[in-house]
């Protein structure tokens, strides 16, 4: 293998000795495999039809997904959208108490915070879409290639279901073309940059509780689609639940597609390295939200599933809906169960324990040329932008000063103004020095105000000041203070003390000395 950053999976580096990576064993899982190929396989397809999708390089050879496979993926993702629309309709018609129990990971202790739609719903759903893209792209390779490229194995029942889904997708070419320009929610870093800021006692549910509870749109908008799309969406749901209900005879969840996928999510595509613990909790939270949503549909579907080999009854057919939900929850969703969801609970808990122990690390990295840096996962900041910001701040101060001067252009040279930096006499200012010829400056400015207009309105009429104009002028003075303060803060060197730069005192008082001085010869 070459020395490119995309083929470093076989090299041990210090980051692979962290407690997080020792626990997840991601470096062992992908040892001597291309992280570029693995991570790109989990991306949503490009919307350029008729072209193969390049996944990356492996042993000097290009690894691609065919144009036909990409077209089928675009159809499958539309089926996933239908599936989640149906799931959200079910959630909207589920009681508060049931959603609280769904959101409770403890076997017996009720947690009074309901499972609900999150604000970043499209982003969370995109996490599942990427899993669907990954497994179906991998399905296109022979079993030996799957092992060489991904170290990944599908179950026989899962493969059979996936081939059936591809058959259903092949019957639906027209709609795929009609939606070919719709852009996906595609952000490789999104699942690591969102949610999960709280570190309270509720280590697992707080992500799902930060959301919206307006369910009316889902109650009124969803309608079951036509038969071909209904078949596809229901088959995708069955496949999804096959992943979520996976159980291993030995209780080893490393054989789970979902747990394997957490390792794929752990690859940082920008640097082809692994995310640390504090960057992983957001993605795990998104995956857990998807799991709870799908398990609710699995336990208490609002509509019957009529196109599957075995009909799936709607919730109305159960004698006790709470008992049905509790049976599913106890088997698959509580802490300590031998299921993918139980494994996710422990994985997220371990990540949070590391964050609490080590704290949040720095998240700024410089580009090799030193002209930009990246904050967080994907926010690039260029130094040239800082220069533009400073110039803009100075320009704003100049504009406001010019407006406040009302067209007055003083003709004296400030460089020759004399000052006495040691004089602390109350009432004294460099304005009073006769040689400076500024003693009448105050009266000159007042006369200028009386005869001027501000923003089309006069300051005074006859012998009376106009309050509205004067207040507007004073407000501009406050804005000028703020602008000048901002310009001082972002300039080079240490920022000035607030007591010095947020007030302007030209004259000494009995309590304090002025803070405006002349730097000319004194």
Protein backbone atom coordinates (compact mmCIF):
# COMPACT_ATOMS: atom_id res chain seq x y z
CA UNK A 1 0.00 0.00 0.00
CA UNK A 2 1.11 3.56 -0.66
CA UNK A 3 1.72 6.31 1.84
CA UNK A 4 -1.39 8.36 1.12
CA UNK A 5 -3.48 9.33 4.16
CA UNK A 6 -6.34 7.26 2.77
CA UNK A 7 -4.41 4.02 3.14
CA UNK A 8 -3.05 4.35 6.67
CA UNK A 9 -5.42 1.82 8.19
CA UNK A 10 -2.60 -0.68 8.71
CA UNK A 11 -0.37 1.74 10.61
CA UNK A 12 -0.54 1.96 14.40
CA UNK A 13 -0.45 5.53 15.68
CA UNK A 14 -0.64 6.92 19.23
CA UNK A 15 -4.36 7.72 18.93
CA UNK A 16 -5.10 4.01 18.66
CA UNK A 17 -3.93 3.50 22.24
CA UNK A 18 -6.68 5.65 23.77
CA UNK A 19 -9.15 4.00 26.18
CA UNK A 20 -11.94 4.70 23.69
CA UNK A 21 -10.29 2.91 20.78
CA UNK A 22 -9.10 0.07 22.99
CA UNK A 23 -12.70 -0.40 24.08
CA UNK A 24 -14.29 -0.16 20.62
CA UNK A 25 -11.41 -1.99 18.86
CA UNK A 26 -12.12 -0.09 15.65
CA UNK A 27 -8.43 -0.11 14.59
CA UNK A 28 -8.38 -3.91 14.92
CA UNK A 29 -11.60 -4.26 12.94
CA UNK A 30 -10.25 -2.23 10.01
CA UNK A 31 -6.58 -3.19 10.25
CA UNK A 32 -4.89 -3.20 6.81
CA UNK A 33 -8.05 -1.98 5.12
CA UNK A 34 -8.76 1.31 3.36
CA UNK A 35 -10.66 3.69 5.62
CA UNK A 36 -11.45 5.75 2.54
CA UNK A 37 -13.30 2.87 0.87
CA UNK A 38 -15.13 1.92 4.07
CA UNK A 39 -16.30 5.44 4.94
CA UNK A 40 -17.23 6.38 1.37
CA UNK A 41 -19.34 3.23 1.07
CA UNK A 42 -21.61 4.71 3.75
CA UNK A 43 -22.24 7.98 1.90
CA UNK A 44 -25.53 8.75 0.20
CA UNK A 45 -25.30 8.50 -3.60
CA UNK A 46 -24.45 11.41 -5.84
CA UNK A 47 -27.31 12.67 -7.97
CA UNK A 48 -25.41 12.33 -11.23
CA UNK A 49 -27.05 9.51 -13.12
CA UNK A 50 -25.29 7.11 -15.43
CA UNK A 51 -21.91 7.21 -13.70
CA UNK A 52 -20.13 4.74 -11.44
CA UNK A 53 -19.50 5.94 -7.90
CA UNK A 54 -15.83 5.85 -6.88
CA UNK A 55 -15.45 4.47 -3.35
CA UNK A 56 -11.67 4.78 -3.20
CA UNK A 57 -8.45 2.94 -3.88
CA UNK A 58 -7.46 -0.53 -2.68
CA UNK A 59 -4.05 -1.98 -3.54
CA UNK A 60 -3.61 0.51 -6.39
CA UNK A 61 -7.01 -0.41 -7.87
CA UNK A 62 -10.17 1.67 -7.97
CA UNK A 63 -13.15 0.38 -6.02
CA UNK A 64 -16.46 1.49 -7.53
CA UNK A 65 -20.17 1.06 -7.15
CA UNK A 66 -21.90 0.67 -10.49
CA UNK A 67 -24.22 3.30 -11.91
CA UNK A 68 -27.05 0.78 -11.80
CA UNK A 69 -26.45 0.10 -8.11
CA UNK A 70 -26.43 3.84 -7.38
CA UNK A 71 -29.73 4.27 -9.22
CA UNK A 72 -31.24 1.52 -7.09
CA UNK A 73 -29.92 3.19 -3.94
CA UNK A 74 -31.69 6.41 -4.85
CA UNK A 75 -34.94 4.46 -5.09
CA UNK A 76 -34.28 2.71 -1.78
CA UNK A 77 -33.72 6.02 0.00
CA UNK A 78 -37.12 7.21 -1.19
CA UNK A 79 -38.53 4.05 0.33
CA UNK A 80 -36.72 4.91 3.58
CA UNK A 81 -38.39 8.34 3.53
CA UNK A 82 -41.81 6.69 3.23
CA UNK A 83 -40.88 4.30 6.04
CA UNK A 84 -39.98 7.14 8.41
CA UNK A 85 -43.04 9.19 7.47
CA UNK A 86 -45.09 6.20 8.58
CA UNK A 87 -43.02 5.88 11.76
CA UNK A 88 -43.59 9.55 12.60
CA UNK A 89 -47.34 9.16 12.07
CA UNK A 90 -47.28 6.29 14.54
CA UNK A 91 -45.31 8.36 17.05
CA UNK A 92 -47.81 11.21 16.73
CA UNK A 93 -50.65 8.90 17.74
CA UNK A 94 -48.85 7.33 20.70
CA UNK A 95 -49.66 8.43 24.25
CA UNK A 96 -47.36 10.49 26.42
CA UNK A 97 -46.90 7.73 28.99
CA UNK A 98 -46.07 5.12 26.37
CA UNK A 99 -43.46 7.41 24.84
CA UNK A 100 -41.97 8.00 28.30
CA UNK A 101 -41.61 4.25 28.82
CA UNK A 102 -40.11 3.92 25.35
CA UNK A 103 -37.56 6.55 26.35
CA UNK A 104 -36.67 4.75 29.61
CA UNK A 105 -33.63 2.45 29.54
CA UNK A 106 -34.15 1.15 33.08
CA UNK A 107 -36.21 -2.01 33.48
CA UNK A 108 -38.54 -0.69 36.17
CA UNK A 109 -37.82 3.00 36.91
CA UNK A 110 -40.14 5.29 34.97
CA UNK A 111 -38.45 8.30 33.35
CA UNK A 112 -41.00 11.13 32.82
CA UNK A 113 -39.59 12.50 29.57
CA UNK A 114 -41.34 11.37 26.38
CA UNK A 115 -39.66 10.14 23.25
CA UNK A 116 -40.39 12.72 20.56
CA UNK A 117 -39.39 14.12 17.20
CA UNK A 118 -36.03 15.90 17.30
CA UNK A 119 -35.28 19.26 15.74
CA UNK A 120 -32.59 17.68 13.56
CA UNK A 121 -34.92 14.94 12.30
CA UNK A 122 -33.55 14.87 8.75
CA UNK A 123 -30.02 14.53 10.06
CA UNK A 124 -30.95 11.65 12.33
CA UNK A 125 -32.76 9.88 9.51
CA UNK A 126 -29.74 10.41 7.25
CA UNK A 127 -27.70 8.31 9.70
CA UNK A 128 -29.98 5.36 8.92
CA UNK A 129 -29.94 6.13 5.21
CA UNK A 130 -26.17 5.88 5.25
CA UNK A 131 -26.41 2.47 6.90
CA UNK A 132 -28.79 1.34 4.16
CA UNK A 133 -26.38 2.64 1.51
CA UNK A 134 -23.49 0.84 3.18
CA UNK A 135 -25.07 -2.62 3.43
CA UNK A 136 -26.49 -2.56 -0.09
CA UNK A 137 -23.20 -1.41 -1.63
CA UNK A 138 -21.37 -4.15 0.27
CA UNK A 139 -23.96 -6.64 -0.97
CA UNK A 140 -22.75 -5.90 -4.49
CA UNK A 141 -19.35 -7.44 -3.71
CA UNK A 142 -18.59 -11.13 -3.51
CA UNK A 143 -18.15 -12.60 -0.04
CA UNK A 144 -14.37 -12.76 -0.35
CA UNK A 145 -14.19 -9.10 -1.36
CA UNK A 146 -16.43 -8.14 1.56
CA UNK A 147 -13.94 -9.72 3.90
CA UNK A 148 -10.91 -8.16 2.22
CA UNK A 149 -12.34 -4.67 1.90
CA UNK A 150 -14.61 -4.38 4.92
CA UNK A 151 -14.12 -7.32 7.29
CA UNK A 152 -17.91 -7.52 7.18
CA UNK A 153 -20.34 -10.42 6.95
CA UNK A 154 -24.09 -10.43 6.29
CA UNK A 155 -26.41 -13.12 7.61
CA UNK A 156 -28.14 -15.44 5.15
CA UNK A 157 -31.61 -14.17 6.09
CA UNK A 158 -30.43 -10.57 5.79
CA UNK A 159 -28.97 -11.22 2.33
CA UNK A 160 -32.15 -12.92 1.17
CA UNK A 161 -34.25 -9.98 2.35
CA UNK A 162 -31.92 -7.48 0.69
CA UNK A 163 -32.10 -9.28 -2.66
CA UNK A 164 -35.89 -9.21 -2.40
CA UNK A 165 -35.76 -5.46 -1.73
CA UNK A 166 -33.57 -4.93 -4.79
CA UNK A 167 -36.10 -6.86 -6.83
CA UNK A 168 -38.85 -4.53 -5.60
CA UNK A 169 -36.69 -1.49 -6.41
CA UNK A 170 -36.11 -2.76 -9.94
CA UNK A 171 -39.86 -2.48 -10.53
CA UNK A 172 -39.81 1.25 -9.75
CA UNK A 173 -37.62 3.10 -12.28
CA UNK A 174 -39.89 6.02 -13.10
CA UNK A 175 -40.14 7.67 -9.70
CA UNK A 176 -36.36 7.52 -9.29
CA UNK A 177 -35.94 9.68 -12.36
CA UNK A 178 -38.59 12.10 -11.19
CA UNK A 179 -36.72 12.74 -7.95
CA UNK A 180 -33.17 12.70 -9.24
CA UNK A 181 -32.42 16.31 -8.39
CA UNK A 182 -33.41 16.21 -4.74
CA UNK A 183 -30.35 16.78 -2.57
CA UNK A 184 -29.71 14.45 0.35
CA UNK A 185 -28.96 15.53 3.88
CA UNK A 186 -25.35 14.50 3.49
CA UNK A 187 -22.94 15.56 6.16
CA UNK A 188 -20.31 13.09 7.17
CA UNK A 189 -19.59 15.00 10.34
CA UNK A 190 -23.14 15.89 11.30
CA UNK A 191 -23.75 12.93 13.53
CA UNK A 192 -20.66 13.83 15.53
CA UNK A 193 -21.38 17.50 15.86
CA UNK A 194 -24.95 17.54 17.06
CA UNK A 195 -26.89 16.73 20.21
CA UNK A 196 -25.55 15.41 23.42
CA UNK A 197 -24.35 18.52 25.22
CA UNK A 198 -26.00 17.61 28.50
CA UNK A 199 -24.12 15.55 31.01
CA UNK A 200 -26.70 15.24 33.73
CA UNK A 201 -27.80 12.10 35.49
CA UNK A 202 -29.72 10.95 32.44
CA UNK A 203 -26.85 9.80 30.30
CA UNK A 204 -28.92 8.12 27.65
CA UNK A 205 -32.27 9.78 27.09
CA UNK A 206 -31.47 13.47 27.10
CA UNK A 207 -30.77 13.50 23.37
CA UNK A 208 -34.26 12.31 22.52
CA UNK A 209 -35.85 14.75 24.97
CA UNK A 210 -34.37 17.75 23.19
CA UNK A 211 -36.93 18.03 20.45
CA UNK A 212 -40.34 19.11 19.37
CA UNK A 213 -43.70 17.79 20.45
CA UNK A 214 -45.87 19.21 17.69
CA UNK A 215 -47.28 16.00 16.25
CA UNK A 216 -50.23 17.44 14.36
CA UNK A 217 -48.38 17.66 11.03
CA UNK A 218 -47.68 13.91 11.09
CA UNK A 219 -51.27 13.10 12.03
CA UNK A 220 -52.68 15.00 9.08
CA UNK A 221 -50.07 14.57 6.34
CA UNK A 222 -49.31 10.85 6.08
CA UNK A 223 -51.18 8.62 3.66
CA UNK A 224 -50.21 5.08 2.73
CA UNK A 225 -48.50 5.11 -0.70
CA UNK A 226 -49.43 3.11 -3.77
CA UNK A 227 -48.88 -0.65 -3.72
CA UNK A 228 -45.35 -0.82 -5.27
CA UNK A 229 -43.95 1.82 -2.91
CA UNK A 230 -45.83 0.32 0.01
CA UNK A 231 -44.18 -3.03 -0.66
CA UNK A 232 -40.73 -1.46 -0.84
CA UNK A 233 -41.12 0.64 2.32
CA UNK A 234 -42.53 -2.28 4.32
CA UNK A 235 -39.72 -4.56 3.14
CA UNK A 236 -37.16 -1.92 4.16
CA UNK A 237 -38.80 -1.71 7.56
CA UNK A 238 -38.61 -5.48 7.97
CA UNK A 239 -34.92 -5.43 7.04
CA UNK A 240 -34.32 -2.60 9.51
CA UNK A 241 -35.94 -4.60 12.29
CA UNK A 242 -33.89 -7.65 11.36
CA UNK A 243 -30.84 -5.51 12.10
CA UNK A 244 -32.27 -4.16 15.37
CA UNK A 245 -33.56 -7.49 16.71
CA UNK A 246 -30.31 -9.32 15.97
CA UNK A 247 -29.29 -11.69 18.76
CA UNK A 248 -26.15 -13.76 18.99
CA UNK A 249 -26.11 -17.20 20.71
CA UNK A 250 -23.04 -16.14 22.69
CA UNK A 251 -24.35 -12.63 23.35
CA UNK A 252 -21.53 -11.10 21.29
CA UNK A 253 -22.91 -8.03 19.54
CA UNK A 254 -19.82 -7.55 17.37
CA UNK A 255 -21.68 -9.70 14.82
CA UNK A 256 -24.45 -7.08 14.61
CA UNK A 257 -24.68 -4.94 11.47
CA UNK A 258 -25.60 -1.94 13.63
CA UNK A 259 -22.62 -2.31 15.97
CA UNK A 260 -20.33 -2.74 12.96
CA UNK A 261 -21.85 0.43 11.51
CA UNK A 262 -20.88 2.40 14.63
CA UNK A 263 -17.27 1.68 13.66
CA UNK A 264 -17.94 3.03 10.16
CA UNK A 265 -19.44 6.14 11.74
CA UNK A 266 -16.29 6.43 13.84
CA UNK A 267 -14.12 7.17 10.79
CA UNK A 268 -13.34 10.85 10.32
CA UNK A 269 -13.29 11.25 6.56
CA UNK A 270 -11.31 14.49 6.50
CA UNK A 271 -8.23 12.98 8.16
CA UNK A 272 -8.99 9.26 7.71
CA UNK A 273 -8.54 8.73 11.44
CA UNK A 274 -10.95 7.74 14.21
CA UNK A 275 -13.20 10.03 16.18
CA UNK A 276 -12.42 10.34 19.89
CA UNK A 277 -15.07 9.59 22.50
CA UNK A 278 -16.37 13.13 22.80
CA UNK A 279 -17.06 13.27 19.04
CA UNK A 280 -18.84 9.91 19.01
CA UNK A 281 -21.72 10.43 21.43
CA UNK A 282 -23.73 12.52 18.95
CA UNK A 283 -23.72 9.79 16.31
CA UNK A 284 -24.63 7.16 18.89
CA UNK A 285 -27.49 9.35 20.10
CA UNK A 286 -28.81 9.65 16.54
CA UNK A 287 -28.64 5.90 16.05
CA UNK A 288 -30.43 5.28 19.36
CA UNK A 289 -33.18 7.72 18.41
CA UNK A 290 -33.71 5.84 15.15
CA UNK A 291 -33.78 2.57 17.08
CA UNK A 292 -36.47 3.75 19.48
CA UNK A 293 -38.57 5.15 16.63
CA UNK A 294 -38.41 1.89 14.69
CA UNK A 295 -39.12 -0.22 17.77
CA UNK A 296 -42.24 1.85 18.45
CA UNK A 297 -43.41 1.08 14.93
CA UNK A 298 -42.44 -2.56 15.48
CA UNK A 299 -44.44 -2.79 18.71
CA UNK A 300 -47.49 -0.62 17.98
CA UNK A 301 -47.82 0.21 14.27
CA UNK A 302 -50.60 2.60 13.43
CA UNK A 303 -51.32 0.76 10.18
CA UNK A 304 -51.17 -2.96 9.45
CA UNK A 305 -48.31 -4.29 7.32
CA UNK A 306 -50.14 -6.20 4.61
CA UNK A 307 -47.50 -6.78 1.93
CA UNK A 308 -45.08 -8.91 3.95
CA UNK A 309 -45.03 -12.71 3.92
CA UNK A 310 -46.62 -12.63 7.38
CA UNK A 311 -49.15 -9.86 7.97
CA UNK A 312 -48.23 -7.49 10.77
CA UNK A 313 -51.26 -6.38 12.76
CA UNK A 314 -51.90 -2.76 13.65
CA UNK A 315 -51.99 -1.65 17.28
CA UNK A 316 -55.77 -1.89 17.39
CA UNK A 317 -55.52 -5.68 17.24
CA UNK A 318 -53.68 -5.94 20.57
CA UNK A 319 -55.71 -6.58 23.71
CA UNK A 320 -53.37 -4.32 25.70
CA UNK A 321 -51.12 -1.91 23.85
CA UNK A 322 -49.11 -0.96 26.98
CA UNK A 323 -48.35 -4.64 27.62
CA UNK A 324 -47.26 -5.11 24.01
CA UNK A 325 -44.91 -2.11 24.20
CA UNK A 326 -43.52 -3.23 27.54
CA UNK A 327 -42.80 -6.73 26.24
CA UNK A 328 -40.79 -5.31 23.32
CA UNK A 329 -39.04 -2.77 25.55
CA UNK A 330 -37.98 -5.33 28.12
CA UNK A 331 -36.61 -7.64 25.46
CA UNK A 332 -34.74 -5.18 23.25
CA UNK A 333 -34.44 -1.67 24.72
CA UNK A 334 -33.37 -1.83 28.36
CA UNK A 335 -29.89 -1.57 29.73
CA UNK A 336 -28.15 -4.92 30.00
CA UNK A 337 -30.06 -6.74 27.25
CA UNK A 338 -28.09 -8.70 24.66
CA UNK A 339 -29.24 -6.66 21.67
CA UNK A 340 -27.71 -3.98 19.43
CA UNK A 341 -29.62 -1.30 21.34
CA UNK A 342 -28.33 -2.58 24.67
CA UNK A 343 -24.81 -2.45 23.26
CA UNK A 344 -25.35 1.13 22.09
CA UNK A 345 -26.43 2.13 25.60
CA UNK A 346 -23.18 0.82 27.06
CA UNK A 347 -21.07 2.26 24.26
CA UNK A 348 -22.53 5.71 24.76
CA UNK A 349 -22.21 5.44 28.54
CA UNK A 350 -18.53 4.54 28.20
CA UNK A 351 -17.93 7.48 25.84
CA UNK A 352 -19.60 9.86 28.29
CA UNK A 353 -17.54 8.52 31.18
CA UNK A 354 -14.38 9.36 29.21
CA UNK A 355 -15.67 12.85 28.47
CA UNK A 356 -16.43 13.46 32.15
CA UNK A 357 -13.02 12.16 33.18
CA UNK A 358 -10.89 13.88 30.55
CA UNK A 359 -12.99 16.93 29.76
CA UNK A 360 -13.54 18.37 26.32
CA UNK A 361 -10.28 18.55 24.33
CA UNK A 362 -9.29 21.36 22.01
CA UNK A 363 -11.03 21.25 18.67
CA UNK A 364 -8.85 23.51 16.53
CA UNK A 365 -6.40 22.22 13.94
CA UNK A 366 -4.25 24.27 11.57
CA UNK A 367 -3.91 23.66 7.85
CA UNK A 368 -0.40 22.77 6.61
CA UNK A 369 0.00 26.16 4.90
CA UNK A 370 -0.83 28.01 8.12
CA UNK A 371 -3.42 30.18 6.38
CA UNK A 372 -6.55 28.53 7.79
CA UNK A 373 -7.73 26.28 10.59
CA UNK A 374 -10.64 23.94 11.22
CA UNK A 375 -12.86 24.32 14.29
CA UNK A 376 -14.74 21.22 15.38
CA UNK A 377 -15.31 18.73 12.61
CA UNK A 378 -15.85 20.70 9.45
CA UNK A 379 -15.90 24.47 10.00
CA UNK A 380 -12.97 26.03 8.16
CA UNK A 381 -11.83 29.54 9.07
CA UNK A 382 -9.38 31.44 6.87
CA UNK A 383 -7.02 34.04 8.30
CA UNK A 384 -7.95 36.29 5.40
CA UNK A 385 -11.47 36.34 6.85
CA UNK A 386 -10.06 37.76 10.09
CA UNK A 387 -8.40 40.56 8.11
CA UNK A 388 -11.67 41.31 6.37
CA UNK A 389 -13.46 41.36 9.71
CA UNK A 390 -11.00 43.86 11.16
CA UNK A 391 -11.11 46.11 8.09
CA UNK A 392 -14.90 46.01 8.16
CA UNK A 393 -14.94 46.94 11.86
CA UNK A 394 -12.63 49.91 11.24
CA UNK A 395 -14.67 51.00 8.22
CA UNK A 396 -17.85 50.93 10.32
CA UNK A 397 -16.23 53.15 12.95
CA UNK A 398 -15.13 55.59 10.25
CA UNK A 399 -18.63 55.71 8.77
CA UNK A 400 -20.23 56.40 12.15
CA UNK A 401 -17.64 59.05 13.06
CA UNK A 402 -18.23 60.79 9.73
CA UNK A 403 -22.00 60.78 10.31
CA UNK A 404 -21.64 62.14 13.84
CA UNK A 405 -19.32 64.93 12.69
CA UNK A 406 -22.21 66.29 10.58
CA UNK A 407 -19.89 67.25 7.76
CA UNK A 408 -17.48 69.13 10.02
CA UNK A 409 -13.84 68.64 9.03
CA UNK A 410 -11.47 70.10 11.68
CA UNK A 411 -8.31 71.56 10.18
CA UNK A 412 -5.97 71.24 13.19
CA UNK A 413 -3.18 68.68 13.47
CA UNK A 414 -3.65 66.34 16.44
CA UNK A 415 0.02 65.39 16.29
CA UNK A 416 1.03 68.79 17.65
CA UNK A 417 -1.54 68.91 20.46
CA UNK A 418 0.25 69.22 23.79
CA UNK A 419 -0.84 67.34 26.92
CA UNK A 420 0.30 66.94 30.51
CA UNK A 421 -0.01 63.27 31.37
CA UNK A 422 0.75 63.97 35.04
CA UNK A 423 -1.91 66.59 35.65
CA UNK A 424 -4.72 65.22 37.83
CA UNK A 425 -6.42 68.52 38.69
CA UNK A 426 -10.19 68.21 38.63
CA UNK A 427 -11.73 69.96 35.65
CA UNK A 428 -8.52 70.05 33.65
CA UNK A 429 -8.07 68.76 30.10
CA UNK A 430 -5.61 69.28 27.28
CA UNK A 431 -8.43 71.20 25.62
CA UNK A 432 -7.68 74.05 28.08
CA UNK A 433 -4.05 74.55 27.05
CA UNK A 434 -3.94 77.91 25.19
CA UNK A 435 -1.30 76.73 22.73
CA UNK A 436 -3.62 73.94 21.56
CA UNK A 437 -6.26 76.51 20.46
CA UNK A 438 -9.10 74.14 21.38
CA UNK A 439 -10.73 76.06 24.21
CA UNK A 440 -13.65 77.06 22.02
CA UNK A 441 -14.08 73.56 20.50
CA UNK A 442 -17.09 72.73 22.70
CA UNK A 443 -18.94 75.92 21.77
CA UNK A 444 -18.09 75.39 18.11
CA UNK A 445 -19.60 71.90 18.17
CA UNK A 446 -22.75 73.09 19.94
CA UNK A 447 -23.24 75.81 17.35
CA UNK A 448 -22.73 73.24 14.61
CA UNK A 449 -25.49 71.11 16.16
CA UNK A 450 -27.94 74.03 16.31
CA UNK A 451 -27.54 74.76 12.61
CA UNK A 452 -27.35 71.18 11.32
CA UNK A 453 -29.66 68.32 10.48
CA UNK A 454 -29.35 64.68 11.41
CA UNK A 455 -30.85 62.12 9.05
CA UNK A 456 -33.03 64.76 7.46
CA UNK A 457 -34.30 66.31 10.71
CA UNK A 458 -33.04 69.53 12.40
CA UNK A 459 -31.49 69.51 15.85
CA UNK A 460 -33.19 72.75 16.84
CA UNK A 461 -36.02 75.01 15.73
CA UNK A 462 -35.85 78.62 16.84
CA UNK A 463 -34.53 78.43 20.41
CA UNK A 464 -35.71 74.88 21.19
CA UNK A 465 -33.92 71.58 20.78
CA UNK A 466 -35.77 68.75 18.99
CA UNK A 467 -35.80 65.77 21.41
CA UNK A 468 -36.30 63.07 18.76
CA UNK A 469 -33.33 64.23 16.70
CA UNK A 470 -31.11 64.62 19.75
CA UNK A 471 -32.02 61.15 21.05
CA UNK A 472 -31.31 59.59 17.66
CA UNK A 473 -27.94 61.34 17.60
CA UNK A 474 -27.10 60.14 21.12
CA UNK A 475 -28.10 56.59 20.17
CA UNK A 476 -25.68 56.73 17.27
CA UNK A 477 -23.05 57.75 19.80
CA UNK A 478 -23.79 54.58 21.76
CA UNK A 479 -23.49 52.55 18.56
CA UNK A 480 -20.17 54.23 17.85
CA UNK A 481 -18.93 53.25 21.31
CA UNK A 482 -19.86 49.63 20.63
CA UNK A 483 -18.24 49.64 17.21
CA UNK A 484 -15.06 51.22 18.53
CA UNK A 485 -14.98 48.70 21.39
CA UNK A 486 -15.34 45.81 18.93
CA UNK A 487 -12.59 47.21 16.71
CA UNK A 488 -10.26 47.51 19.70
CA UNK A 489 -10.99 43.98 20.86
CA UNK A 490 -10.20 42.28 17.54
CA UNK A 491 -7.05 44.28 16.87
CA UNK A 492 -3.59 42.89 17.55
CA UNK A 493 -2.33 42.53 21.11
CA UNK A 494 -4.22 42.04 24.35
CA UNK A 495 -7.67 43.64 24.60
CA UNK A 496 -8.05 46.76 26.71
CA UNK A 497 -9.71 46.76 30.11
CA UNK A 498 -13.44 47.29 29.96
CA UNK A 499 -13.29 50.23 32.36
CA UNK A 500 -10.90 51.99 29.99
CA UNK A 501 -12.40 51.34 26.59
CA UNK A 502 -16.14 51.45 27.31
CA UNK A 503 -16.22 55.05 28.52
CA UNK A 504 -14.76 58.32 27.20
CA UNK A 505 -13.58 60.96 29.71
CA UNK A 506 -11.87 64.04 28.28
CA UNK A 507 -11.84 65.99 31.57
CA UNK A 508 -10.46 65.06 34.99
CA UNK A 509 -12.99 64.71 37.81
CA UNK A 510 -12.54 64.66 41.56
CA UNK A 511 -12.83 60.87 41.56
CA UNK A 512 -10.99 59.77 38.45
CA UNK A 513 -8.54 60.90 35.82
CA UNK A 514 -9.49 61.41 32.20
CA UNK A 515 -8.78 58.51 29.82
CA UNK A 516 -8.37 60.48 26.59
CA UNK A 517 -4.83 61.77 26.12
CA UNK A 518 -2.83 63.32 23.33
CA UNK A 519 0.33 61.50 22.29
CA UNK A 520 1.88 64.65 20.84
CA UNK A 521 4.79 66.41 22.54
CA UNK A 522 3.75 67.59 25.98
